[in-house]
């Protein structure tokens, strides 16, 4: 039985520099547990702004966000920082790995920060995530020695280390060639099949078509939300 893991209600967001401008307009939708959701739209339509609101990294908005049964609107920064570390994994267009650290050390970092498990257990969990995405053989290699596609796969392992409620991706294949984009998408698809909830902002129509549901935005509004043909066929 699927359950709602994220609920966004009547989200409105304004920018004030140089003039007042409404970038999000009455955004309301839910995300179900295990759903692979793509948010699409032209540049400037508000999709990345929406992702930052949902991720609690931007708290200056009207409306309400609830995740994993917890109301996040109006919480202080300390609460939100801990909530993010425990419940959210992030994969950006650029991998943001620390080049002087090994692959394993990079994946361990959010787990060590959370402080839920001893270091040895965090290391074991990190290796488990690296095996999951086919990068265990590179665990001791410096992150700087990997290809772009390999680095993005390690970023996914890092996003998984704390078993997040939701993985949020902001153009996760935007910096990759077609072959590596397909590899990264295949990892996301496999994770979703195992029950991982994923929300990804993307410009890639092939990526979006392979997800469970697409939300299309224009001028700060949701103009279309539908299951993909792949999902409908199942």
Protein backbone atom coordinates (compact mmCIF):
# COMPACT_ATOMS: atom_id res chain seq x y z
CA UNK A 1 0.00 0.00 0.00
CA UNK A 2 1.56 3.29 -1.13
CA UNK A 3 1.50 6.22 1.26
CA UNK A 4 2.05 9.94 0.83
CA UNK A 5 5.62 10.90 1.76
CA UNK A 6 5.55 14.51 0.60
CA UNK A 7 2.67 16.96 0.53
CA UNK A 8 2.96 20.48 -0.91
CA UNK A 9 0.00 22.78 -0.34
CA UNK A 10 -0.59 26.19 -1.98
CA UNK A 11 3.07 27.11 -2.33
CA UNK A 12 3.71 30.68 -3.42
CA UNK A 13 7.17 32.19 -3.75
CA UNK A 14 8.25 35.74 -4.55
CA UNK A 15 11.55 37.31 -5.57
CA UNK A 16 12.02 40.97 -4.65
CA UNK A 17 15.16 42.07 -6.50
CA UNK A 18 14.93 44.38 -8.35
CA UNK A 19 11.10 44.24 -8.34
CA UNK A 20 8.54 41.96 -6.74
CA UNK A 21 8.03 38.92 -8.95
CA UNK A 22 6.00 35.78 -8.23
CA UNK A 23 8.06 32.74 -9.22
CA UNK A 24 5.76 30.00 -7.84
CA UNK A 25 1.97 30.25 -8.01
CA UNK A 26 -0.28 28.09 -5.83
CA UNK A 27 1.65 24.82 -6.24
CA UNK A 28 -0.21 21.84 -4.74
CA UNK A 29 0.63 18.14 -5.22
CA UNK A 30 1.53 14.94 -3.35
CA UNK A 31 4.29 12.39 -3.84
CA UNK A 32 3.74 8.74 -2.99
CA UNK A 33 6.22 6.37 -1.37
CA UNK A 34 8.35 4.66 -4.03
CA UNK A 35 7.31 7.08 -6.77
CA UNK A 36 9.82 8.26 -9.39
CA UNK A 37 8.67 11.78 -10.29
CA UNK A 38 10.09 14.16 -12.90
CA UNK A 39 9.52 17.92 -12.83
CA UNK A 40 9.94 19.48 -16.28
CA UNK A 41 9.53 22.86 -17.95
CA UNK A 42 11.47 25.55 -19.76
CA UNK A 43 14.33 27.41 -18.05
CA UNK A 44 12.97 30.00 -15.64
CA UNK A 45 9.61 28.27 -15.12
CA UNK A 46 10.30 27.76 -11.40
CA UNK A 47 11.08 24.03 -11.25
CA UNK A 48 14.45 24.34 -9.50
CA UNK A 49 13.00 26.95 -7.13
CA UNK A 50 10.26 24.46 -6.28
CA UNK A 51 12.83 21.73 -5.60
CA UNK A 52 14.71 24.00 -3.17
CA UNK A 53 11.49 24.76 -1.32
CA UNK A 54 10.63 21.07 -1.07
CA UNK A 55 14.15 20.29 0.14
CA UNK A 56 13.80 22.90 2.96
CA UNK A 57 16.87 24.80 1.71
CA UNK A 58 14.61 27.77 0.95
CA UNK A 59 12.17 28.62 3.74
CA UNK A 60 10.91 31.99 2.46
CA UNK A 61 7.55 31.00 0.94
CA UNK A 62 3.81 30.93 1.61
CA UNK A 63 2.02 27.60 1.92
CA UNK A 64 2.91 24.34 3.62
CA UNK A 65 5.31 21.45 3.06
CA UNK A 66 4.98 18.17 4.94
CA UNK A 67 7.36 15.23 4.57
CA UNK A 68 7.45 11.83 6.25
CA UNK A 69 4.56 12.92 8.48
CA UNK A 70 6.43 16.03 9.66
CA UNK A 71 5.36 19.61 8.97
CA UNK A 72 8.49 21.44 7.79
CA UNK A 73 7.07 24.92 7.26
CA UNK A 74 8.05 27.30 10.05
CA UNK A 75 10.78 25.10 11.56
CA UNK A 76 14.13 26.55 12.65
CA UNK A 77 17.33 26.00 10.66
CA UNK A 78 18.86 23.53 13.12
CA UNK A 79 15.78 21.31 12.93
CA UNK A 80 15.72 21.51 9.12
CA UNK A 81 19.44 20.75 8.77
CA UNK A 82 19.09 17.56 10.78
CA UNK A 83 15.88 16.61 8.99
CA UNK A 84 17.58 17.06 5.60
CA UNK A 85 20.53 14.92 6.60
CA UNK A 86 18.29 12.12 7.86
CA UNK A 87 15.49 12.18 5.28
CA UNK A 88 16.89 13.67 2.06
CA UNK A 89 19.60 12.65 -0.37
CA UNK A 90 20.74 15.10 -3.05
CA UNK A 91 22.15 14.56 -6.53
CA UNK A 92 22.99 17.76 -8.40
CA UNK A 93 24.13 18.46 -11.95
CA UNK A 94 27.68 18.69 -10.61
CA UNK A 95 28.76 15.90 -8.26
CA UNK A 96 30.32 18.09 -5.51
CA UNK A 97 32.68 15.32 -4.40
CA UNK A 98 35.75 16.34 -2.39
CA UNK A 99 38.60 15.62 -4.84
CA UNK A 100 41.26 14.93 -2.19
CA UNK A 101 39.05 12.35 -0.44
CA UNK A 102 38.64 8.76 -1.56
CA UNK A 103 35.39 7.54 -3.07
CA UNK A 104 34.59 5.72 0.18
CA UNK A 105 35.32 8.79 2.34
CA UNK A 106 33.03 10.93 0.18
CA UNK A 107 30.15 8.48 0.50
CA UNK A 108 30.65 8.22 4.28
CA UNK A 109 30.52 11.97 4.96
CA UNK A 110 26.72 12.43 5.39
CA UNK A 111 26.59 9.27 7.51
CA UNK A 112 29.30 10.54 9.83
CA UNK A 113 27.57 13.92 10.04
CA UNK A 114 24.26 12.28 11.02
CA UNK A 115 26.01 10.45 13.86
CA UNK A 116 23.47 7.64 13.97
CA UNK A 117 25.99 4.82 13.60
CA UNK A 118 29.63 4.22 14.66
CA UNK A 119 32.24 5.02 12.00
CA UNK A 120 32.87 1.33 11.23
CA UNK A 121 29.16 0.77 10.56
CA UNK A 122 29.02 3.89 8.38
CA UNK A 123 31.95 2.50 6.38
CA UNK A 124 30.16 -0.84 5.92
CA UNK A 125 27.00 0.97 4.83
CA UNK A 126 29.01 3.11 2.39
CA UNK A 127 30.52 -0.01 0.81
CA UNK A 128 27.03 -1.50 0.52
CA UNK A 129 25.84 1.59 -1.38
CA UNK A 130 28.91 1.51 -3.64
CA UNK A 131 28.20 -2.13 -4.46
CA UNK A 132 24.62 -1.16 -5.26
CA UNK A 133 25.73 1.28 -7.96
CA UNK A 134 28.65 -0.83 -9.23
CA UNK A 135 31.48 1.31 -7.82
CA UNK A 136 32.80 -0.83 -4.95
CA UNK A 137 36.05 -1.57 -6.83
CA UNK A 138 36.83 2.17 -6.81
CA UNK A 139 36.28 2.70 -3.06
CA UNK A 140 39.93 3.57 -2.26
CA UNK A 141 40.51 5.70 -5.35
CA UNK A 142 40.67 9.50 -5.02
CA UNK A 143 37.44 11.02 -6.32
CA UNK A 144 39.48 13.26 -8.63
CA UNK A 145 40.68 10.20 -10.58
CA UNK A 146 37.21 9.15 -11.70
CA UNK A 147 35.41 9.99 -14.94
CA UNK A 148 32.42 12.32 -14.86
CA UNK A 149 29.95 9.46 -15.09
CA UNK A 150 31.69 7.55 -12.30
CA UNK A 151 31.71 10.64 -10.08
CA UNK A 152 27.97 11.10 -10.55
CA UNK A 153 27.38 7.46 -9.62
CA UNK A 154 29.39 8.02 -6.43
CA UNK A 155 27.24 11.09 -5.74
CA UNK A 156 24.18 8.80 -5.90
CA UNK A 157 25.79 6.40 -3.40
CA UNK A 158 26.49 9.37 -1.11
CA UNK A 159 22.83 10.44 -1.43
CA UNK A 160 21.78 6.94 -0.34
CA UNK A 161 24.05 6.57 2.71
CA UNK A 162 21.42 7.57 5.30
CA UNK A 163 18.59 5.62 3.60
CA UNK A 164 16.70 8.84 2.80
CA UNK A 165 12.95 9.13 2.55
CA UNK A 166 13.40 10.96 -0.76
CA UNK A 167 16.25 11.47 -3.21
CA UNK A 168 16.05 14.88 -4.89
CA UNK A 169 17.89 15.42 -8.15
CA UNK A 170 18.49 18.77 -9.84
CA UNK A 171 19.42 17.99 -13.46
CA UNK A 172 21.25 14.83 -12.32
CA UNK A 173 22.23 13.93 -15.90
CA UNK A 174 22.68 17.51 -17.14
CA UNK A 175 26.48 17.32 -17.15
CA UNK A 176 26.79 13.86 -18.74
CA UNK A 177 26.98 12.44 -22.24
CA UNK A 178 24.22 10.16 -23.51
CA UNK A 179 25.82 6.86 -22.41
CA UNK A 180 26.52 8.08 -18.88
CA UNK A 181 23.08 9.71 -18.67
CA UNK A 182 21.53 6.34 -19.49
CA UNK A 183 23.69 4.65 -16.82
CA UNK A 184 22.64 7.16 -14.16
CA UNK A 185 18.99 6.90 -15.19
CA UNK A 186 19.18 3.10 -14.98
CA UNK A 187 20.45 3.40 -11.40
CA UNK A 188 17.57 5.72 -10.49
CA UNK A 189 15.07 3.39 -12.15
CA UNK A 190 16.47 0.42 -10.24
CA UNK A 191 16.34 2.31 -6.94
CA UNK A 192 12.72 3.29 -7.58
CA UNK A 193 11.88 -0.34 -8.33
CA UNK A 194 13.28 -1.20 -4.88
CA UNK A 195 10.96 1.38 -3.27
CA UNK A 196 13.12 4.52 -3.19
CA UNK A 197 11.15 7.76 -3.69
CA UNK A 198 12.84 10.06 -6.22
CA UNK A 199 12.00 13.60 -7.37
CA UNK A 200 14.12 14.89 -10.24
CA UNK A 201 14.12 18.20 -12.09
CA UNK A 202 15.23 17.51 -15.64
CA UNK A 203 15.46 19.00 -19.14
CA UNK A 204 16.01 15.53 -20.63
CA UNK A 205 12.78 14.29 -22.28
CA UNK A 206 14.05 10.67 -22.37
CA UNK A 207 14.81 10.79 -18.62
CA UNK A 208 11.35 12.22 -17.88
CA UNK A 209 9.60 9.66 -20.11
CA UNK A 210 11.11 6.80 -18.12
CA UNK A 211 9.84 8.01 -14.74
CA UNK A 212 6.49 7.10 -13.18
CA UNK A 213 4.95 10.56 -13.38
CA UNK A 214 5.77 13.93 -14.92
CA UNK A 215 4.78 17.32 -13.52
CA UNK A 216 5.10 20.03 -16.16
CA UNK A 217 5.55 23.64 -15.08
CA UNK A 218 5.20 26.94 -16.91
CA UNK A 219 5.41 30.49 -15.52
CA UNK A 220 5.51 29.24 -11.92
CA UNK A 221 2.44 27.02 -12.23
CA UNK A 222 1.79 23.31 -12.69
CA UNK A 223 0.14 23.06 -16.11
CA UNK A 224 0.14 19.29 -16.46
CA UNK A 225 0.68 16.26 -14.26
CA UNK A 226 0.39 12.77 -15.69
CA UNK A 227 1.69 9.24 -15.45
CA UNK A 228 4.17 8.33 -18.18
CA UNK A 229 3.40 5.78 -20.89
CA UNK A 230 5.90 3.42 -19.25
CA UNK A 231 3.94 3.57 -16.00
CA UNK A 232 0.57 3.25 -17.76
CA UNK A 233 1.77 0.13 -19.57
CA UNK A 234 2.58 -1.65 -16.28
